[in-house]
Amino acid sequence: MIDNWVLTVRSGLQRGGRPILLALVGASVVLGVVGGLLLSLVSPLMVLALLAALGVGVAMLRSTQMGLSVLLIVVCLLPFGAIPFSIGFYPTFLDVALLAVFGVWVARILTRAQESFVSSSLDLPILVFILLAFAAFIAGTAHSGVTRDTLRHFAEIIIAITVFFVVINSVRDIRQLRQIVLVIILVGFVASLIGVVLYFLPEPLTVRLLSMLRVFHYPSGWGVLRFIEDNPVLPMRATSTSVDPNVLGGLLIMIITLTTPQLFARRPLLRRVWLVPMLAVMLACLLLTFSRGAFGAIGVALVFLGVIRYRRLLPMMALMVIMILVIPQTREYVQHFQAGLLLEDRATAMRLGEYKDALTLISRYPWLGVGFGGTPSIDLYLGVSNVYLLIAEEMGLIGLGSFLLIVGVFFAYAWRAWRRMDRDSDAEPLLLGLAVALLGALAGGFLDHYFFNLDFPHSVVLFWVYAGLAVVAIKVGTEGGTKVEVAQPADGPPT
C-alpha cells in the first residue's frame, strides 16, 4: 500500500513538475507548523488522541460496520465523554459517532450505493412512536420554553431510535452480526473489569484515575466515588466510567444477558475458557454496583432463558444465589437487597414518592403528556425511576401505548422466528441473547429510567441497536442463508 502511494506521488511529480513539488513542500510546512503549535500549546497526549480520533473518524466514514463498532465502544466506555473543544457547546463522542454512522448511511442511500431498503414488521410502529414523540415535544413548548440543551438531547434520542434502521440495513450477514456482538461483549467486559479494578484500588488512587477524565468533561474530585444512599459510611458502589452505579447496572443488564447464551452455543464467539472468567468479572461488577434493579432484571431475563432453552442454566443460577446468601463477603449486598424488598431504605421510599407524583401528573395530562422540557405547574416535576411512567409523563398514554405496541410486535416476531429457527444455527444463540437482553432492559425499566431518558442517550442507543441486531438475527436465521437479502450491501462488494 505504501509502495503504491510512493509510486503515485512520483508519477505525479514527473507529470506536474515544479507546481506539485511546491504544493507538497507547502503542505509539509503547514503540517509541521500546526503540529509544532499543538505540541507547544497542548500536551503531547492530546495531540496523539487527536490523531487517533482522526484515524478512527476516517475509518468510520468508510464503513458503517466500523462506525457501529466505534459507536458501541463509546456507549460502553465513554458514554458521557465530550470533545474538549467548544462549538457553542461541547459535542459528546456519542454525538459525533451517531452523526457519523447516520450520515454515512444516508449518504449511501442518496448516492444509491445501497439500492434497496431492508424493512421489518417493526418499522411502522417505530415511525409512529417517533412521530408521537415529535407531537409531544411540540405540544410541550406551549407551557415550557425550549432550551438549547433540551432540543439537543431530544434530537439525540430521536437519532438513537433511528439507529434501528441503520442497523438492519447495514448488518447483513452472520459474519457481520457475530462481529458486532463480539465487539459488544468485549467492550462490556472491559467496562466491567475497569469497574472491578477501580473498586478495589485505594480510594485516593481511584479518585485520581477517574479525575483524569475531566478533560472530557467527566466529573472529578472525591465526588466521583459513589456510596449507598450517598453515605460514605456505607459501602462504596462501582461506577467504572459510567459515572452512576445504576447506569452501569443498566449496561450490565445488556452485556451479561447477551454473553450468557454463548456458554451453551455450539460455536461460541469466544472459547468457553475465556467466556467463563469474563462472565465472572461481569457478575462481580454487577454485585459491586449494589444495583438491585439490575440484579433483579438480569435474574428475570436469565430465568426466562433457562426455562425456554438452556435448562442447565437454572441450577447454575440457583448455586450462584446460594453462594451470595452464604458467603460473608456478600452480606452487605444481601442486606441492601432485603431492605429494598421490605421498603425500608431511603432510596425505595423516594422511588415510591416518585411513582405517586408521576401518577398525579399523568392523571392531569393523560393523552400526550407534558413534553420533554418541563411541567405546566410548579407543583409537578418531570422525572421518575420507571421508564413506563416516564414515557407516559412525556408522551402520554398514547405514547406509552405506542411503545408497548413496539415491544409486543418485537417479541411476537422474535418468538415465531425462534420457533422456526434451526437449533444448530449460529444465529440462534445471538437472537436469544439479544432478545433476553431487551427483556432484561424492560424488566429493569420498572425500577429505572435509563432506556428512555434525555440525560442518558447512550442507553437509548444501546436498546435500539440491540433491537436492530435481533431483527438481523431473525432474518439471517430464518431465511435459510447467511445474509440478509439486499440489492447492494452497505459496505463493499456482495459476499
Protein backbone atom coordinates (compact mmCIF):
# COMPACT_ATOMS: atom_id res chain seq x y z
CA MET A 1 0.00 0.00 0.00
CA ILE A 2 2.81 2.43 0.90
CA ASP A 3 4.74 1.44 -2.24
CA ASN A 4 1.69 2.23 -4.38
CA TRP A 5 1.35 5.61 -2.71
CA VAL A 6 5.02 6.41 -3.33
CA LEU A 7 4.72 5.42 -6.99
CA THR A 8 1.62 7.60 -7.35
CA VAL A 9 3.40 10.60 -5.86
CA ARG A 10 6.49 10.01 -8.03
CA SER A 11 4.33 9.73 -11.16
CA GLY A 12 2.52 12.92 -10.25
CA LEU A 13 5.80 14.76 -9.78
CA GLN A 14 7.03 13.61 -13.15
CA ARG A 15 3.82 14.81 -14.85
CA GLY A 16 3.26 18.02 -12.89
CA GLY A 17 6.81 19.04 -12.20
CA ARG A 18 7.57 22.02 -10.00
CA PRO A 19 3.97 23.06 -9.03
CA ILE A 20 3.22 19.70 -7.44
CA LEU A 21 6.59 19.69 -5.69
CA LEU A 22 5.96 23.18 -4.30
CA ALA A 23 2.48 22.11 -3.15
CA LEU A 24 3.89 19.11 -1.30
CA VAL A 25 6.57 21.24 0.33
CA GLY A 26 3.99 23.84 1.32
CA ALA A 27 1.67 21.20 2.80
CA SER A 28 4.57 19.71 4.75
CA VAL A 29 5.48 23.13 6.14
CA VAL A 30 1.88 23.83 7.16
CA LEU A 31 1.54 20.44 8.83
CA GLY A 32 4.84 20.94 10.61
CA VAL A 33 3.85 24.41 11.89
CA VAL A 34 0.40 23.22 13.02
CA GLY A 35 1.90 20.15 14.69
CA GLY A 36 4.51 22.27 16.47
CA LEU A 37 1.86 24.70 17.72
CA LEU A 38 -0.28 21.84 19.01
CA LEU A 39 2.66 20.28 20.82
CA SER A 40 3.57 23.62 22.41
CA LEU A 41 0.02 24.65 23.35
CA VAL A 42 -1.41 21.32 24.50
CA SER A 43 0.00 18.10 25.85
CA PRO A 44 1.55 15.51 23.50
CA LEU A 45 -1.04 13.05 24.79
CA MET A 46 -3.80 15.33 23.49
CA VAL A 47 -2.11 15.51 20.08
CA LEU A 48 -1.85 11.72 19.92
CA ALA A 49 -5.50 11.43 20.97
CA LEU A 50 -6.47 13.90 18.23
CA LEU A 51 -4.53 11.97 15.59
CA ALA A 52 -6.08 8.70 16.78
CA ALA A 53 -9.54 10.28 16.66
CA LEU A 54 -8.92 11.46 13.10
CA GLY A 55 -7.88 7.94 12.10
CA VAL A 56 -10.96 6.43 13.70
CA GLY A 57 -13.13 9.08 12.07
CA VAL A 58 -11.78 8.27 8.61
CA ALA A 59 -12.41 4.56 9.24
CA MET A 60 -15.99 5.28 10.39
CA LEU A 61 -16.67 7.29 7.25
CA ARG A 62 -15.53 4.36 5.10
CA SER A 63 -17.61 1.64 6.74
CA THR A 64 -20.89 1.52 8.62
CA GLN A 65 -19.66 -1.69 10.25
CA MET A 66 -16.68 0.18 11.69
CA GLY A 67 -18.94 3.07 12.59
CA LEU A 68 -21.29 0.86 14.56
CA SER A 69 -18.34 -0.75 16.36
CA VAL A 70 -16.93 2.64 17.38
CA LEU A 71 -20.39 3.78 18.46
CA LEU A 72 -20.71 0.76 20.75
CA ILE A 73 -17.24 1.31 22.19
CA VAL A 74 -18.22 4.89 23.06
CA VAL A 75 -21.53 3.74 24.57
CA CYS A 76 -19.79 1.25 26.87
CA LEU A 77 -16.55 3.04 27.75
CA LEU A 78 -17.04 6.80 27.34
CA PRO A 79 -20.81 7.36 27.40
CA PHE A 80 -20.55 10.88 28.87
CA GLY A 81 -17.28 11.94 27.24
CA ALA A 82 -17.29 15.28 25.41
CA ILE A 83 -14.82 16.68 22.93
CA PRO A 84 -12.71 19.32 24.75
CA PHE A 85 -13.38 21.95 22.07
CA SER A 86 -16.45 24.20 22.15
CA ILE A 87 -18.58 24.96 19.10
CA GLY A 88 -21.09 26.89 21.19
CA PHE A 89 -21.44 23.70 23.20
CA TYR A 90 -19.22 20.69 23.80
CA PRO A 91 -20.34 17.87 21.49
CA THR A 92 -20.03 14.44 23.03
CA PHE A 93 -18.22 11.50 21.49
CA LEU A 94 -21.64 9.88 21.29
CA ASP A 95 -22.97 12.79 19.20
CA VAL A 96 -20.07 12.53 16.77
CA ALA A 97 -20.33 8.74 16.49
CA LEU A 98 -24.11 8.87 15.96
CA LEU A 99 -23.87 11.55 13.29
CA ALA A 100 -21.05 9.71 11.52
CA VAL A 101 -22.94 6.40 11.43
CA PHE A 102 -26.23 8.00 10.44
CA GLY A 103 -24.57 10.35 7.94
CA VAL A 104 -22.70 7.57 6.14
CA TRP A 105 -25.88 5.51 5.87
CA VAL A 106 -27.90 8.43 4.50
CA ALA A 107 -25.09 9.28 2.07
CA ARG A 108 -25.08 5.72 0.75
CA ILE A 109 -28.83 5.92 0.16
CA LEU A 110 -28.58 9.29 -1.60
CA THR A 111 -25.73 8.08 -3.81
CA ARG A 112 -27.59 4.80 -4.44
CA ALA A 113 -24.68 2.78 -3.11
CA GLN A 114 -27.46 0.94 -1.27
CA GLU A 115 -30.23 0.45 -3.78
CA SER A 116 -32.91 -1.13 -1.59
CA PHE A 117 -34.23 -0.63 1.91
CA VAL A 118 -34.42 -3.57 4.29
CA SER A 119 -37.73 -3.46 6.13
CA SER A 120 -39.20 -5.26 9.11
CA SER A 121 -42.51 -5.57 10.91
CA LEU A 122 -41.25 -3.04 13.49
CA ASP A 123 -40.79 -0.20 11.02
CA LEU A 124 -44.30 1.27 11.14
CA PRO A 125 -44.72 1.08 14.96
CA ILE A 126 -41.32 2.75 15.43
CA LEU A 127 -42.13 5.52 12.97
CA VAL A 128 -45.45 6.12 14.73
CA PHE A 129 -43.61 6.29 18.07
CA ILE A 130 -41.15 8.85 16.65
CA LEU A 131 -43.99 10.98 15.25
CA LEU A 132 -45.76 10.89 18.61
CA ALA A 133 -42.53 11.99 20.29
CA PHE A 134 -42.37 15.00 17.94
CA ALA A 135 -46.03 15.78 18.63
CA ALA A 136 -45.47 15.64 22.41
CA PHE A 137 -42.35 17.79 22.11
CA ILE A 138 -44.14 20.45 20.06
CA ALA A 139 -47.19 20.41 22.33
CA GLY A 140 -44.94 20.77 25.38
CA THR A 141 -43.46 24.03 24.07
CA ALA A 142 -46.80 25.70 24.85
CA HIS A 143 -46.00 25.68 28.58
CA SER A 144 -42.20 25.38 28.74
CA GLY A 145 -39.59 27.11 26.66
CA VAL A 146 -37.23 25.06 24.52
CA THR A 147 -33.66 25.38 25.72
CA ARG A 148 -30.66 24.51 23.59
CA ASP A 149 -29.84 21.54 25.80
CA THR A 150 -33.41 20.19 25.70
CA LEU A 151 -33.53 20.46 21.91
CA ARG A 152 -30.13 18.81 21.57
CA HIS A 153 -30.97 15.93 23.90
CA PHE A 154 -34.31 15.37 22.20
CA ALA A 155 -32.54 15.20 18.83
CA GLU A 156 -30.10 12.67 20.31
CA ILE A 157 -32.98 10.46 21.43
CA ILE A 158 -34.67 10.59 18.02
CA ILE A 159 -31.42 9.74 16.24
CA ALA A 160 -30.79 6.96 18.76
CA ILE A 161 -34.14 5.37 17.92
CA THR A 162 -33.49 5.80 14.19
CA VAL A 163 -30.24 3.83 14.55
CA PHE A 164 -32.53 0.77 14.46
CA PHE A 165 -32.99 1.34 10.72
CA VAL A 166 -29.25 1.85 10.19
CA VAL A 167 -28.51 -1.48 11.88
CA ILE A 168 -30.97 -3.61 9.93
CA ASN A 169 -29.75 -2.05 6.67
CA SER A 170 -26.03 -2.23 7.43
CA VAL A 171 -25.53 -5.58 9.19
CA ARG A 172 -26.39 -8.09 6.50
CA ASP A 173 -24.89 -11.49 7.21
CA ILE A 174 -23.97 -13.81 10.05
CA ARG A 175 -20.31 -12.83 9.89
CA GLN A 176 -21.04 -9.15 10.42
CA LEU A 177 -23.63 -9.94 13.08
CA ARG A 178 -21.14 -12.06 15.01
CA GLN A 179 -18.51 -9.32 14.70
CA ILE A 180 -20.78 -6.65 16.17
CA VAL A 181 -21.96 -8.88 19.02
CA LEU A 182 -18.35 -9.82 19.77
CA VAL A 183 -17.44 -6.13 19.98
CA ILE A 184 -20.27 -5.55 22.48
CA ILE A 185 -19.17 -8.48 24.66
CA LEU A 186 -15.51 -7.44 24.63
CA VAL A 187 -16.07 -3.76 25.44
CA GLY A 188 -18.68 -4.73 28.03
CA PHE A 189 -16.08 -6.95 29.66
CA VAL A 190 -13.54 -4.11 29.59
CA ALA A 191 -16.06 -1.77 31.24
CA SER A 192 -16.73 -4.42 33.91
CA LEU A 193 -13.02 -5.01 34.51
CA ILE A 194 -12.43 -1.27 34.90
CA GLY A 195 -15.27 -1.12 37.42
CA VAL A 196 -13.88 -4.01 39.49
CA VAL A 197 -10.27 -2.75 39.43
CA LEU A 198 -11.22 0.80 40.37
CA TYR A 199 -13.39 -0.52 43.19
CA PHE A 200 -10.55 -2.39 44.88
CA LEU A 201 -7.82 0.20 44.34
CA PRO A 202 -7.09 2.60 47.22
CA GLU A 203 -9.70 5.34 47.16
CA PRO A 204 -7.22 8.22 46.52
CA LEU A 205 -5.83 6.37 43.50
CA THR A 206 -9.34 5.64 42.19
CA VAL A 207 -10.23 9.32 42.52
CA ARG A 208 -7.03 10.32 40.72
CA LEU A 209 -7.60 7.90 37.85
CA LEU A 210 -11.26 8.82 37.32
CA SER A 211 -10.43 12.52 37.60
CA MET A 212 -8.14 12.16 34.58
CA LEU A 213 -11.32 12.01 32.51
CA ARG A 214 -12.15 15.62 33.43
CA VAL A 215 -10.52 16.70 30.15
CA PHE A 216 -13.52 15.01 28.52
CA HIS A 217 -15.92 16.85 30.87
CA TYR A 218 -16.33 13.97 33.29
CA PRO A 219 -16.73 14.82 36.99
CA SER A 220 -13.58 14.96 39.09
CA GLY A 221 -12.56 15.02 42.73
CA TRP A 222 -13.88 12.94 45.59
CA GLY A 223 -17.42 13.22 44.22
CA VAL A 224 -16.57 10.55 41.63
CA LEU A 225 -16.88 7.95 44.38
CA ARG A 226 -20.42 6.78 44.92
CA PHE A 227 -21.84 5.17 48.05
CA ILE A 228 -25.13 3.59 49.07
CA GLU A 229 -27.55 6.44 49.88
CA ASP A 230 -24.60 8.82 49.20
CA ASN A 231 -23.35 7.99 52.69
CA PRO A 232 -19.56 7.39 52.86
CA VAL A 233 -20.09 5.25 55.94
CA LEU A 234 -21.98 2.72 53.82
CA PRO A 235 -20.32 0.53 51.15
CA MET A 236 -18.94 2.12 48.00
CA ARG A 237 -20.62 1.34 44.68
CA ALA A 238 -18.79 0.54 41.43
CA THR A 239 -19.24 3.00 38.57
CA SER A 240 -16.49 2.15 36.03
CA THR A 241 -16.64 5.03 33.51
CA SER A 242 -20.45 5.27 33.67
CA VAL A 243 -20.43 7.91 36.46
CA ASP A 244 -23.50 6.44 38.16
CA PRO A 245 -23.69 2.88 39.57
CA ASN A 246 -27.26 2.37 38.38
CA VAL A 247 -26.28 3.45 34.85
CA LEU A 248 -23.50 0.86 34.98
CA GLY A 249 -26.06 -1.66 36.22
CA GLY A 250 -28.24 -0.90 33.20
CA LEU A 251 -25.27 -1.53 30.90
CA LEU A 252 -24.51 -4.83 32.64
CA ILE A 253 -28.10 -5.97 32.09
CA MET A 254 -27.46 -5.75 28.37
CA ILE A 255 -23.95 -7.25 28.47
CA ILE A 256 -24.45 -10.20 30.84
CA THR A 257 -27.66 -11.41 29.21
CA LEU A 258 -26.09 -11.15 25.74
CA THR A 259 -22.97 -13.09 26.81
CA THR A 260 -24.65 -15.93 28.74
CA PRO A 261 -26.09 -17.86 25.74
CA GLN A 262 -22.57 -18.09 24.30
CA LEU A 263 -21.71 -20.51 27.12
CA PHE A 264 -24.10 -23.03 25.55
CA ALA A 265 -23.69 -22.21 21.84
CA ARG A 266 -22.25 -24.89 19.57
CA ARG A 267 -19.90 -22.33 18.01
CA PRO A 268 -19.45 -19.59 20.62
CA LEU A 269 -17.94 -16.25 19.70
CA LEU A 270 -15.12 -16.89 22.18
CA ARG A 271 -13.78 -20.05 23.70
CA ARG A 272 -15.55 -21.05 26.91
CA VAL A 273 -12.24 -20.99 28.75
CA TRP A 274 -12.37 -17.20 28.19
CA LEU A 275 -16.12 -16.73 28.46
CA VAL A 276 -16.36 -18.15 31.99
CA PRO A 277 -13.87 -15.74 33.64
CA MET A 278 -15.25 -12.85 31.60
CA LEU A 279 -18.75 -13.55 32.86
CA ALA A 280 -17.40 -13.89 36.39
CA VAL A 281 -15.90 -10.39 36.15
CA MET A 282 -19.17 -9.02 34.78
CA LEU A 283 -21.17 -10.59 37.62
CA ALA A 284 -18.67 -9.34 40.20
CA CYS A 285 -19.01 -5.83 38.79
CA LEU A 286 -22.80 -6.16 38.92
CA LEU A 287 -22.66 -7.05 42.62
CA LEU A 288 -20.30 -4.16 43.31
CA THR A 289 -22.76 -1.67 41.80
CA PHE A 290 -25.29 -2.65 44.51
CA SER A 291 -27.93 -2.06 41.83
CA ARG A 292 -30.91 -4.09 42.96
CA GLY A 293 -32.94 -3.25 39.88
CA ALA A 294 -30.22 -4.51 37.55
CA PHE A 295 -29.73 -7.70 39.58
CA GLY A 296 -33.45 -8.45 39.54
CA ALA A 297 -33.76 -7.65 35.83
CA ILE A 298 -30.90 -9.98 34.92
CA GLY A 299 -32.48 -12.67 37.10
CA VAL A 300 -35.80 -12.35 35.26
CA ALA A 301 -34.13 -12.48 31.84
CA LEU A 302 -31.87 -15.45 32.62
CA VAL A 303 -34.64 -17.48 34.29
CA PHE A 304 -36.71 -16.99 31.14
CA LEU A 305 -33.72 -18.08 29.04
CA GLY A 306 -33.26 -21.16 31.20
CA VAL A 307 -36.91 -22.13 31.01
CA ILE A 308 -37.29 -21.85 27.24
CA ARG A 309 -33.89 -23.09 26.07
CA TYR A 310 -30.90 -23.76 28.35
CA ARG A 311 -32.16 -25.77 31.32
CA ARG A 312 -28.61 -26.22 32.64
CA LEU A 313 -28.58 -22.51 33.36
CA LEU A 314 -31.21 -22.83 36.12
CA PRO A 315 -29.14 -24.94 38.58
CA MET A 316 -26.14 -22.70 37.87
CA MET A 317 -28.21 -19.66 38.84
CA ALA A 318 -29.52 -21.40 41.95
CA LEU A 319 -25.97 -22.22 43.01
CA MET A 320 -24.89 -18.62 42.48
CA VAL A 321 -27.78 -17.30 44.59
CA ILE A 322 -26.92 -19.74 47.39
CA MET A 323 -23.31 -18.59 47.31
CA ILE A 324 -24.39 -14.95 47.51
CA LEU A 325 -26.61 -15.74 50.51
CA VAL A 326 -23.97 -17.79 52.32
CA ILE A 327 -20.52 -16.26 51.84
CA PRO A 328 -19.63 -13.42 54.26
CA GLN A 329 -18.29 -11.12 51.54
CA THR A 330 -21.78 -10.55 50.12
CA ARG A 331 -23.55 -9.99 53.42
CA GLU A 332 -23.86 -6.22 52.90
CA TYR A 333 -25.28 -6.77 49.43
CA VAL A 334 -27.89 -9.20 50.76
CA GLN A 335 -28.88 -6.74 53.49
CA HIS A 336 -29.16 -3.92 50.95
CA PHE A 337 -31.31 -6.08 48.67
CA GLN A 338 -33.51 -7.18 51.58
CA ALA A 339 -34.02 -3.57 52.69
CA GLY A 340 -35.30 -2.75 49.22
CA LEU A 341 -37.73 -5.69 49.19
CA LEU A 342 -39.09 -4.67 52.58
CA LEU A 343 -39.35 -0.98 51.52
CA GLU A 344 -37.16 0.00 54.45
CA ASP A 345 -34.42 2.20 52.92
CA ARG A 346 -34.47 5.82 51.78
CA ALA A 347 -33.92 5.07 48.08
CA THR A 348 -37.00 2.83 47.96
CA ALA A 349 -39.08 5.40 49.82
CA MET A 350 -38.02 8.07 47.33
CA ARG A 351 -38.99 5.82 44.42
CA LEU A 352 -42.44 5.26 45.88
CA GLY A 353 -42.86 9.02 46.23
CA GLU A 354 -41.80 9.49 42.60
CA TYR A 355 -44.35 6.92 41.44
CA LYS A 356 -47.14 8.70 43.31
CA ASP A 357 -46.20 12.09 41.86
CA ALA A 358 -45.85 10.62 38.36
CA LEU A 359 -49.35 9.13 38.52
CA THR A 360 -50.68 12.55 39.58
CA LEU A 361 -49.02 14.20 36.59
CA ILE A 362 -50.27 11.54 34.18
CA SER A 363 -53.82 11.83 35.51
CA ARG A 364 -53.79 15.57 34.73
CA TYR A 365 -52.21 15.25 31.26
CA PRO A 366 -53.16 11.73 30.14
CA TRP A 367 -53.11 11.85 26.34
CA LEU A 368 -49.91 13.46 25.02
CA GLY A 369 -48.20 14.15 28.35
CA VAL A 370 -46.31 17.35 29.07
CA GLY A 371 -43.48 17.01 26.58
CA PHE A 372 -39.78 16.88 27.29
CA GLY A 373 -38.97 20.36 28.60
CA GLY A 374 -40.86 20.76 31.86
CA THR A 375 -44.25 20.73 33.54
CA PRO A 376 -47.03 23.35 33.28
CA SER A 377 -47.30 23.88 37.05
CA ILE A 378 -44.76 24.23 39.85
CA ASP A 379 -46.39 21.55 41.99
CA LEU A 380 -45.39 18.90 39.44
CA TYR A 381 -41.99 17.76 38.20
CA LEU A 382 -40.79 15.67 35.29
CA GLY A 383 -38.82 12.54 36.10
CA VAL A 384 -39.42 9.18 37.71
CA SER A 385 -37.40 5.99 38.19
CA ASN A 386 -39.67 3.95 35.93
CA VAL A 387 -39.31 4.03 32.16
CA TYR A 388 -43.01 3.37 31.53
CA LEU A 389 -44.21 6.14 33.82
CA LEU A 390 -41.57 8.45 32.33
CA ILE A 391 -42.81 7.79 28.78
CA ALA A 392 -46.38 8.40 29.97
CA GLU A 393 -45.30 11.68 31.62
CA GLU A 394 -43.58 12.93 28.47
CA MET A 395 -45.72 11.39 25.71
CA GLY A 396 -48.95 10.49 27.49
CA LEU A 397 -50.78 7.20 27.48
CA ILE A 398 -50.88 7.30 23.68
CA GLY A 399 -47.09 7.41 23.55
CA LEU A 400 -46.79 4.66 26.16
CA GLY A 401 -49.27 2.53 24.21
CA SER A 402 -47.18 3.04 21.07
CA PHE A 403 -44.03 1.91 22.88
CA LEU A 404 -45.77 -1.16 24.30
CA LEU A 405 -47.02 -1.98 20.80
CA ILE A 406 -43.41 -2.00 19.55
CA VAL A 407 -42.44 -4.30 22.41
CA GLY A 408 -45.34 -6.65 21.73
CA VAL A 409 -44.70 -6.81 17.98
CA PHE A 410 -41.00 -7.42 18.56
CA PHE A 411 -41.41 -10.31 20.97
CA ALA A 412 -44.17 -11.91 18.89
CA TYR A 413 -41.93 -11.61 15.82
CA ALA A 414 -38.90 -12.99 17.69
CA TRP A 415 -40.85 -15.85 19.27
CA ARG A 416 -42.30 -17.04 15.97
CA ALA A 417 -38.92 -16.80 14.27
CA TRP A 418 -37.12 -18.63 17.08
CA ARG A 419 -39.63 -21.49 16.95
CA ARG A 420 -38.81 -21.96 13.24
CA MET A 421 -35.06 -21.50 13.63
CA ASP A 422 -32.57 -24.36 13.37
CA ARG A 423 -31.21 -25.05 16.88
CA ASP A 424 -27.73 -25.57 15.41
CA SER A 425 -27.78 -22.21 13.65
CA ASP A 426 -25.15 -19.65 14.62
CA ALA A 427 -27.91 -17.06 14.66
CA GLU A 428 -29.98 -18.81 17.34
CA PRO A 429 -27.84 -18.02 20.44
CA LEU A 430 -27.34 -14.49 19.12
CA LEU A 431 -31.09 -13.96 18.80
CA LEU A 432 -31.69 -15.41 22.26
CA GLY A 433 -29.02 -13.21 23.81
CA LEU A 434 -30.31 -10.05 22.16
CA ALA A 435 -33.96 -10.82 22.91
CA VAL A 436 -33.45 -11.68 26.58
CA ALA A 437 -31.24 -8.60 26.94
CA LEU A 438 -34.15 -6.47 25.76
CA LEU A 439 -36.42 -8.40 28.12
CA GLY A 440 -33.99 -7.61 30.94
CA ALA A 441 -33.93 -3.92 29.98
CA LEU A 442 -37.73 -3.83 30.02
CA ALA A 443 -37.83 -5.59 33.40
CA GLY A 444 -35.25 -3.16 34.76
CA GLY A 445 -37.40 -0.33 33.43
CA PHE A 446 -39.83 -0.85 36.30
CA LEU A 447 -37.19 0.48 38.70
CA ASP A 448 -35.05 2.70 36.43
CA HIS A 449 -35.47 5.07 33.52
CA TYR A 450 -32.22 4.93 31.57
CA PHE A 451 -33.51 3.34 28.37
CA PHE A 452 -35.72 6.35 27.50
CA ASN A 453 -34.25 9.40 29.15
CA LEU A 454 -32.90 12.60 27.60
CA ASP A 455 -29.98 12.58 30.04
CA PHE A 456 -28.82 9.08 29.03
CA PRO A 457 -28.91 8.88 25.22
CA HIS A 458 -26.22 6.18 25.19
CA SER A 459 -28.61 3.76 26.95
CA VAL A 460 -31.29 4.56 24.38
CA VAL A 461 -28.78 3.88 21.58
CA LEU A 462 -27.88 0.51 23.08
CA PHE A 463 -31.53 -0.52 23.40
CA TRP A 464 -32.33 0.21 19.75
CA VAL A 465 -29.07 -1.24 18.45
CA TYR A 466 -30.00 -4.49 20.21
CA ALA A 467 -33.48 -4.37 18.67
CA GLY A 468 -31.95 -3.91 15.21
CA LEU A 469 -29.41 -6.69 15.71
CA ALA A 470 -32.18 -9.02 16.90
CA VAL A 471 -34.12 -8.35 13.70
CA VAL A 472 -30.96 -9.10 11.68
CA ALA A 473 -30.54 -12.38 13.61
CA ILE A 474 -34.15 -13.27 12.79
CA LYS A 475 -33.69 -12.58 9.10
CA VAL A 476 -30.38 -14.44 8.93
CA GLY A 477 -31.66 -17.39 10.93
CA THR A 478 -34.98 -17.89 9.15
CA GLU A 479 -34.20 -17.11 5.50
CA GLY A 480 -32.07 -20.21 5.03
CA GLY A 481 -28.87 -18.36 4.15
CA THR A 482 -26.07 -16.45 5.74
CA LYS A 483 -27.05 -12.98 4.68
CA VAL A 484 -29.95 -10.57 4.66
CA GLU A 485 -31.01 -10.10 1.08
CA VAL A 486 -30.44 -6.57 -0.20
CA ALA A 487 -29.74 -5.42 -3.71
CA GLN A 488 -26.39 -3.89 -2.79
CA PRO A 489 -24.56 -4.30 0.52
CA ALA A 490 -23.90 -1.21 2.59
CA ASP A 491 -20.17 -1.93 2.74
CA GLY A 492 -18.07 -3.29 -0.07
CA PRO A 493 -18.92 -5.84 -2.73
CA PRO A 494 -21.50 -8.60 -2.30
CA THR A 495 -20.39 -11.60 -0.25
